[in-house]
Amino acid sequence: MGERIFIAVTVVSTLVTLMVSAILIVDPAFALPAGSAVSPAVETFARACSIRSLAVGGALLVLLARRSAAGLIVLLWVTGLFQTGDALVHALNGHPATFSAAVLALVAFGSARWLTRSRRSQSR
């Protein structure tokens, strides 16, 4: 039962991240506070970050499908660090996405911890 919950939560949070990333590639203003100007620098930065998220999210889904626990643990930690950084950036800019990025970071870190514990208990 625990594995199914882990997979479901990880897949849902990854799909949310992939969806937001795709939206940002099309409309970089989506990540900005209302009324903010979208400059070429903002477009470049938003799209570069989104492509990074698409690559990491895609890799995470592949590792889930392959049931590669060791790879998942590492990538979940990386994902959690990315989301923590995103939450800090949003918080410094007063953007409401702070909460969602923080939740996604907690999901990634929690999933990595759960998977690590699960692997340890199975190896005993």
N, C-alpha and C. Protein backbone atom coordinates (compact mmCIF):
# COMPACT_ATOMS: atom_id res chain seq x y z
N MET A 1 0.83 -1.20 0.00
CA MET A 1 0.00 0.00 0.00
C MET A 1 0.87 1.26 0.00
N GLY A 2 1.92 1.27 0.80
CA GLY A 2 2.80 2.44 0.89
C GLY A 2 3.46 2.77 -0.43
N GLU A 3 3.84 1.73 -1.18
CA GLU A 3 4.49 1.96 -2.47
C GLU A 3 3.53 2.61 -3.45
N ARG A 4 2.28 2.20 -3.44
CA ARG A 4 1.30 2.80 -4.34
C ARG A 4 1.07 4.27 -4.02
N ILE A 5 1.02 4.58 -2.74
CA ILE A 5 0.84 5.98 -2.34
C ILE A 5 2.06 6.79 -2.77
N PHE A 6 3.24 6.27 -2.53
CA PHE A 6 4.47 6.94 -2.94
C PHE A 6 4.46 7.21 -4.44
N ILE A 7 4.14 6.20 -5.22
CA ILE A 7 4.13 6.36 -6.68
C ILE A 7 3.07 7.38 -7.09
N ALA A 8 1.89 7.29 -6.53
CA ALA A 8 0.82 8.22 -6.90
C ALA A 8 1.19 9.67 -6.57
N VAL A 9 1.69 9.90 -5.37
CA VAL A 9 2.06 11.27 -4.97
C VAL A 9 3.20 11.79 -5.83
N THR A 10 4.18 10.96 -6.09
CA THR A 10 5.32 11.38 -6.91
C THR A 10 4.90 11.66 -8.35
N VAL A 11 4.06 10.80 -8.91
CA VAL A 11 3.59 11.01 -10.28
C VAL A 11 2.75 12.29 -10.36
N VAL A 12 1.83 12.48 -9.44
CA VAL A 12 0.97 13.67 -9.47
C VAL A 12 1.81 14.94 -9.33
N SER A 13 2.72 14.97 -8.38
CA SER A 13 3.54 16.18 -8.20
C SER A 13 4.44 16.42 -9.40
N THR A 14 4.94 15.35 -10.01
CA THR A 14 5.77 15.50 -11.20
C THR A 14 4.94 16.01 -12.37
N LEU A 15 3.73 15.49 -12.54
CA LEU A 15 2.87 15.95 -13.62
C LEU A 15 2.47 17.42 -13.44
N VAL A 16 2.24 17.84 -12.20
CA VAL A 16 1.94 19.25 -11.94
C VAL A 16 3.13 20.12 -12.35
N THR A 17 4.32 19.70 -11.97
CA THR A 17 5.52 20.44 -12.33
C THR A 17 5.69 20.49 -13.85
N LEU A 18 5.47 19.37 -14.52
CA LEU A 18 5.59 19.33 -15.98
C LEU A 18 4.56 20.25 -16.64
N MET A 19 3.35 20.27 -16.11
CA MET A 19 2.30 21.11 -16.66
C MET A 19 2.65 22.60 -16.50
N VAL A 20 3.08 22.98 -15.32
CA VAL A 20 3.46 24.38 -15.09
C VAL A 20 4.65 24.75 -15.97
N SER A 21 5.59 23.85 -16.13
CA SER A 21 6.75 24.11 -16.99
C SER A 21 6.33 24.34 -18.43
N ALA A 22 5.40 23.53 -18.92
CA ALA A 22 4.91 23.70 -20.29
C ALA A 22 4.19 25.04 -20.45
N ILE A 23 3.41 25.41 -19.46
CA ILE A 23 2.72 26.71 -19.49
C ILE A 23 3.73 27.85 -19.54
N LEU A 24 4.80 27.74 -18.74
CA LEU A 24 5.82 28.80 -18.71
C LEU A 24 6.59 28.93 -20.01
N ILE A 25 6.76 27.84 -20.72
CA ILE A 25 7.43 27.92 -22.02
C ILE A 25 6.57 28.74 -22.99
N VAL A 26 5.27 28.53 -22.93
CA VAL A 26 4.35 29.25 -23.80
C VAL A 26 4.12 30.69 -23.31
N ASP A 27 3.96 30.85 -21.99
CA ASP A 27 3.63 32.16 -21.41
C ASP A 27 4.47 32.42 -20.16
N PRO A 28 5.68 32.98 -20.32
CA PRO A 28 6.54 33.24 -19.17
C PRO A 28 5.92 34.17 -18.13
N ALA A 29 4.94 34.97 -18.51
CA ALA A 29 4.29 35.88 -17.57
C ALA A 29 3.51 35.12 -16.50
N PHE A 30 3.21 33.86 -16.74
CA PHE A 30 2.45 33.04 -15.79
C PHE A 30 3.13 33.00 -14.42
N ALA A 31 4.46 33.07 -14.40
CA ALA A 31 5.21 32.97 -13.15
C ALA A 31 5.44 34.32 -12.48
N LEU A 32 5.00 35.39 -13.10
CA LEU A 32 5.25 36.72 -12.57
C LEU A 32 4.04 37.27 -11.81
N PRO A 33 4.31 38.15 -10.86
CA PRO A 33 3.18 38.84 -10.22
C PRO A 33 2.40 39.63 -11.26
N ALA A 34 1.11 39.77 -11.04
CA ALA A 34 0.24 40.48 -11.98
C ALA A 34 0.80 41.86 -12.28
N GLY A 35 0.78 42.22 -13.55
CA GLY A 35 1.22 43.55 -13.97
C GLY A 35 2.71 43.68 -14.21
N SER A 36 3.47 42.63 -13.97
CA SER A 36 4.92 42.68 -14.19
C SER A 36 5.23 42.65 -15.69
N ALA A 37 6.31 43.33 -16.05
CA ALA A 37 6.72 43.36 -17.44
C ALA A 37 7.45 42.07 -17.80
N VAL A 38 7.19 41.59 -19.01
CA VAL A 38 7.87 40.40 -19.51
C VAL A 38 8.94 40.87 -20.50
N SER A 39 10.17 40.89 -20.04
CA SER A 39 11.29 41.31 -20.88
C SER A 39 11.89 40.09 -21.56
N PRO A 40 12.74 40.29 -22.55
CA PRO A 40 13.43 39.14 -23.17
C PRO A 40 14.23 38.33 -22.14
N ALA A 41 14.79 39.00 -21.15
CA ALA A 41 15.55 38.28 -20.12
C ALA A 41 14.62 37.39 -19.29
N VAL A 42 13.44 37.90 -18.95
CA VAL A 42 12.46 37.11 -18.20
C VAL A 42 12.02 35.90 -19.03
N GLU A 43 11.75 36.13 -20.31
CA GLU A 43 11.35 35.02 -21.18
C GLU A 43 12.43 33.94 -21.24
N THR A 44 13.67 34.36 -21.42
CA THR A 44 14.78 33.41 -21.51
C THR A 44 14.93 32.62 -20.21
N PHE A 45 14.90 33.32 -19.09
CA PHE A 45 15.08 32.66 -17.79
C PHE A 45 13.94 31.69 -17.51
N ALA A 46 12.70 32.13 -17.72
CA ALA A 46 11.54 31.27 -17.45
C ALA A 46 11.57 30.03 -18.32
N ARG A 47 11.91 30.21 -19.57
CA ARG A 47 11.93 29.06 -20.48
C ARG A 47 13.09 28.12 -20.17
N ALA A 48 14.24 28.67 -19.79
CA ALA A 48 15.39 27.82 -19.43
C ALA A 48 15.07 26.99 -18.19
N CYS A 49 14.48 27.62 -17.20
CA CYS A 49 14.10 26.88 -15.98
C CYS A 49 13.04 25.83 -16.28
N SER A 50 12.12 26.16 -17.16
CA SER A 50 11.06 25.22 -17.51
C SER A 50 11.61 24.01 -18.24
N ILE A 51 12.55 24.24 -19.12
CA ILE A 51 13.15 23.11 -19.84
C ILE A 51 13.90 22.20 -18.87
N ARG A 52 14.58 22.79 -17.90
CA ARG A 52 15.26 22.01 -16.86
C ARG A 52 14.23 21.15 -16.12
N SER A 53 13.11 21.75 -15.77
CA SER A 53 12.07 21.00 -15.05
C SER A 53 11.47 19.89 -15.90
N LEU A 54 11.30 20.15 -17.20
CA LEU A 54 10.78 19.11 -18.09
C LEU A 54 11.75 17.93 -18.16
N ALA A 55 13.04 18.23 -18.25
CA ALA A 55 14.05 17.16 -18.32
C ALA A 55 14.09 16.35 -17.02
N VAL A 56 14.10 17.03 -15.90
CA VAL A 56 14.15 16.33 -14.61
C VAL A 56 12.86 15.55 -14.38
N GLY A 57 11.72 16.16 -14.69
CA GLY A 57 10.44 15.47 -14.53
C GLY A 57 10.33 14.24 -15.42
N GLY A 58 10.79 14.37 -16.65
CA GLY A 58 10.79 13.22 -17.55
C GLY A 58 11.66 12.09 -17.04
N ALA A 59 12.84 12.45 -16.55
CA ALA A 59 13.75 11.44 -16.00
C ALA A 59 13.13 10.77 -14.77
N LEU A 60 12.45 11.56 -13.95
CA LEU A 60 11.81 11.01 -12.76
C LEU A 60 10.74 9.99 -13.14
N LEU A 61 9.93 10.31 -14.15
CA LEU A 61 8.90 9.37 -14.59
C LEU A 61 9.51 8.10 -15.18
N VAL A 62 10.61 8.23 -15.91
CA VAL A 62 11.29 7.05 -16.46
C VAL A 62 11.82 6.18 -15.33
N LEU A 63 12.44 6.79 -14.33
CA LEU A 63 12.97 6.02 -13.20
C LEU A 63 11.85 5.33 -12.43
N LEU A 64 10.71 6.00 -12.29
CA LEU A 64 9.56 5.37 -11.64
C LEU A 64 9.10 4.15 -12.44
N ALA A 65 8.99 4.31 -13.75
CA ALA A 65 8.55 3.20 -14.60
C ALA A 65 9.51 2.02 -14.53
N ARG A 66 10.80 2.32 -14.43
CA ARG A 66 11.82 1.26 -14.35
C ARG A 66 12.02 0.73 -12.94
N ARG A 67 11.39 1.38 -11.97
CA ARG A 67 11.52 1.02 -10.55
C ARG A 67 12.98 1.04 -10.10
N SER A 68 13.67 2.07 -10.52
CA SER A 68 15.08 2.26 -10.17
C SER A 68 15.17 3.05 -8.87
N ALA A 69 15.15 2.34 -7.76
CA ALA A 69 15.10 2.99 -6.45
C ALA A 69 16.30 3.90 -6.21
N ALA A 70 17.51 3.44 -6.51
CA ALA A 70 18.70 4.26 -6.25
C ALA A 70 18.66 5.55 -7.06
N GLY A 71 18.31 5.45 -8.34
CA GLY A 71 18.20 6.64 -9.18
C GLY A 71 17.11 7.57 -8.71
N LEU A 72 15.98 7.00 -8.28
CA LEU A 72 14.87 7.81 -7.78
C LEU A 72 15.25 8.59 -6.54
N ILE A 73 15.95 7.96 -5.64
CA ILE A 73 16.33 8.65 -4.40
C ILE A 73 17.18 9.88 -4.72
N VAL A 74 18.17 9.70 -5.57
CA VAL A 74 19.03 10.83 -5.94
C VAL A 74 18.22 11.92 -6.64
N LEU A 75 17.41 11.54 -7.61
CA LEU A 75 16.66 12.53 -8.37
C LEU A 75 15.59 13.21 -7.52
N LEU A 76 15.01 12.50 -6.57
CA LEU A 76 14.05 13.13 -5.66
C LEU A 76 14.73 14.19 -4.79
N TRP A 77 15.94 13.91 -4.35
CA TRP A 77 16.68 14.92 -3.58
C TRP A 77 16.99 16.14 -4.44
N VAL A 78 17.41 15.90 -5.68
CA VAL A 78 17.68 17.01 -6.59
C VAL A 78 16.40 17.81 -6.84
N THR A 79 15.31 17.12 -7.08
CA THR A 79 14.02 17.78 -7.30
C THR A 79 13.62 18.61 -6.08
N GLY A 80 13.80 18.04 -4.90
CA GLY A 80 13.48 18.77 -3.67
C GLY A 80 14.32 20.04 -3.53
N LEU A 81 15.59 19.94 -3.89
CA LEU A 81 16.47 21.12 -3.83
C LEU A 81 16.03 22.18 -4.84
N PHE A 82 15.68 21.74 -6.06
CA PHE A 82 15.16 22.68 -7.07
C PHE A 82 13.92 23.39 -6.55
N GLN A 83 12.99 22.62 -6.01
CA GLN A 83 11.74 23.20 -5.53
C GLN A 83 11.97 24.13 -4.34
N THR A 84 12.91 23.78 -3.48
CA THR A 84 13.25 24.66 -2.36
C THR A 84 13.79 25.99 -2.88
N GLY A 85 14.67 25.90 -3.87
CA GLY A 85 15.19 27.12 -4.49
C GLY A 85 14.08 27.94 -5.12
N ASP A 86 13.18 27.27 -5.82
CA ASP A 86 12.04 27.97 -6.42
C ASP A 86 11.19 28.66 -5.36
N ALA A 87 10.94 27.97 -4.26
CA ALA A 87 10.15 28.55 -3.16
C ALA A 87 10.84 29.80 -2.60
N LEU A 88 12.17 29.73 -2.43
CA LEU A 88 12.89 30.90 -1.92
C LEU A 88 12.82 32.07 -2.89
N VAL A 89 13.01 31.80 -4.17
CA VAL A 89 12.92 32.87 -5.18
C VAL A 89 11.53 33.49 -5.16
N HIS A 90 10.50 32.66 -5.14
CA HIS A 90 9.13 33.18 -5.11
C HIS A 90 8.88 33.98 -3.83
N ALA A 91 9.38 33.49 -2.70
CA ALA A 91 9.18 34.20 -1.44
C ALA A 91 9.86 35.58 -1.47
N LEU A 92 11.06 35.63 -2.00
CA LEU A 92 11.79 36.91 -2.08
C LEU A 92 11.09 37.90 -3.01
N ASN A 93 10.34 37.39 -3.97
CA ASN A 93 9.63 38.25 -4.91
C ASN A 93 8.15 38.43 -4.56
N GLY A 94 7.73 37.90 -3.43
CA GLY A 94 6.35 38.06 -2.99
C GLY A 94 5.33 37.39 -3.90
N HIS A 95 5.73 36.29 -4.51
CA HIS A 95 4.85 35.59 -5.46
C HIS A 95 4.12 34.47 -4.73
N PRO A 96 2.83 34.30 -5.02
CA PRO A 96 2.05 33.26 -4.32
C PRO A 96 2.49 31.82 -4.61
N ALA A 97 3.31 31.60 -5.62
CA ALA A 97 3.77 30.23 -5.93
C ALA A 97 4.72 29.70 -4.86
N THR A 98 5.08 30.52 -3.88
CA THR A 98 5.95 30.09 -2.80
C THR A 98 5.40 28.84 -2.12
N PHE A 99 4.11 28.86 -1.81
CA PHE A 99 3.49 27.75 -1.10
C PHE A 99 3.53 26.47 -1.91
N SER A 100 3.15 26.54 -3.18
CA SER A 100 3.13 25.31 -3.99
C SER A 100 4.53 24.75 -4.19
N ALA A 101 5.53 25.61 -4.39
CA ALA A 101 6.90 25.13 -4.54
C ALA A 101 7.38 24.48 -3.24
N ALA A 102 7.02 25.06 -2.11
CA ALA A 102 7.42 24.48 -0.82
C ALA A 102 6.76 23.12 -0.61
N VAL A 103 5.49 23.00 -0.99
CA VAL A 103 4.79 21.72 -0.86
C VAL A 103 5.45 20.67 -1.75
N LEU A 104 5.77 21.05 -2.99
CA LEU A 104 6.42 20.10 -3.90
C LEU A 104 7.80 19.69 -3.39
N ALA A 105 8.51 20.61 -2.74
CA ALA A 105 9.81 20.27 -2.14
C ALA A 105 9.61 19.25 -1.02
N LEU A 106 8.62 19.48 -0.18
CA LEU A 106 8.35 18.53 0.91
C LEU A 106 7.95 17.17 0.37
N VAL A 107 7.17 17.15 -0.70
CA VAL A 107 6.78 15.87 -1.32
C VAL A 107 8.03 15.14 -1.82
N ALA A 108 8.91 15.85 -2.50
CA ALA A 108 10.12 15.21 -3.03
C ALA A 108 11.01 14.70 -1.90
N PHE A 109 11.27 15.52 -0.90
CA PHE A 109 12.11 15.09 0.23
C PHE A 109 11.46 13.95 1.00
N GLY A 110 10.15 14.05 1.22
CA GLY A 110 9.44 12.98 1.92
C GLY A 110 9.47 11.68 1.14
N SER A 111 9.30 11.76 -0.17
CA SER A 111 9.34 10.57 -1.00
C SER A 111 10.73 9.94 -0.99
N ALA A 112 11.76 10.77 -1.05
CA ALA A 112 13.14 10.25 -1.00
C ALA A 112 13.39 9.55 0.33
N ARG A 113 12.93 10.17 1.41
CA ARG A 113 13.12 9.57 2.74
C ARG A 113 12.35 8.25 2.85
N TRP A 114 11.09 8.25 2.40
CA TRP A 114 10.29 7.04 2.48
C TRP A 114 10.93 5.92 1.67
N LEU A 115 11.38 6.23 0.47
CA LEU A 115 11.98 5.22 -0.39
C LEU A 115 13.28 4.68 0.21
N THR A 116 14.07 5.56 0.81
CA THR A 116 15.31 5.13 1.47
C THR A 116 15.00 4.17 2.62
N ARG A 117 14.03 4.53 3.44
CA ARG A 117 13.64 3.64 4.56
C ARG A 117 13.09 2.32 4.06
N SER A 118 12.30 2.38 3.02
CA SER A 118 11.70 1.17 2.45
C SER A 118 12.80 0.22 1.93
N ARG A 119 13.79 0.78 1.26
CA ARG A 119 14.90 -0.05 0.75
C ARG A 119 15.69 -0.66 1.89
N ARG A 120 15.90 0.10 2.96
CA ARG A 120 16.66 -0.41 4.11
C ARG A 120 15.90 -1.55 4.78
N SER A 121 14.60 -1.40 4.93
CA SER A 121 13.83 -2.45 5.60
C SER A 121 13.75 -3.72 4.75
N GLN A 122 13.78 -3.58 3.43
CA GLN A 122 13.73 -4.74 2.55
C GLN A 122 15.06 -5.48 2.51
N SER A 123 16.15 -4.75 2.76
CA SER A 123 17.46 -5.39 2.71
C SER A 123 17.82 -6.12 4.01
N ARG A 124 17.00 -5.97 5.01
CA ARG A 124 17.28 -6.64 6.29
C ARG A 124 16.79 -8.04 6.31
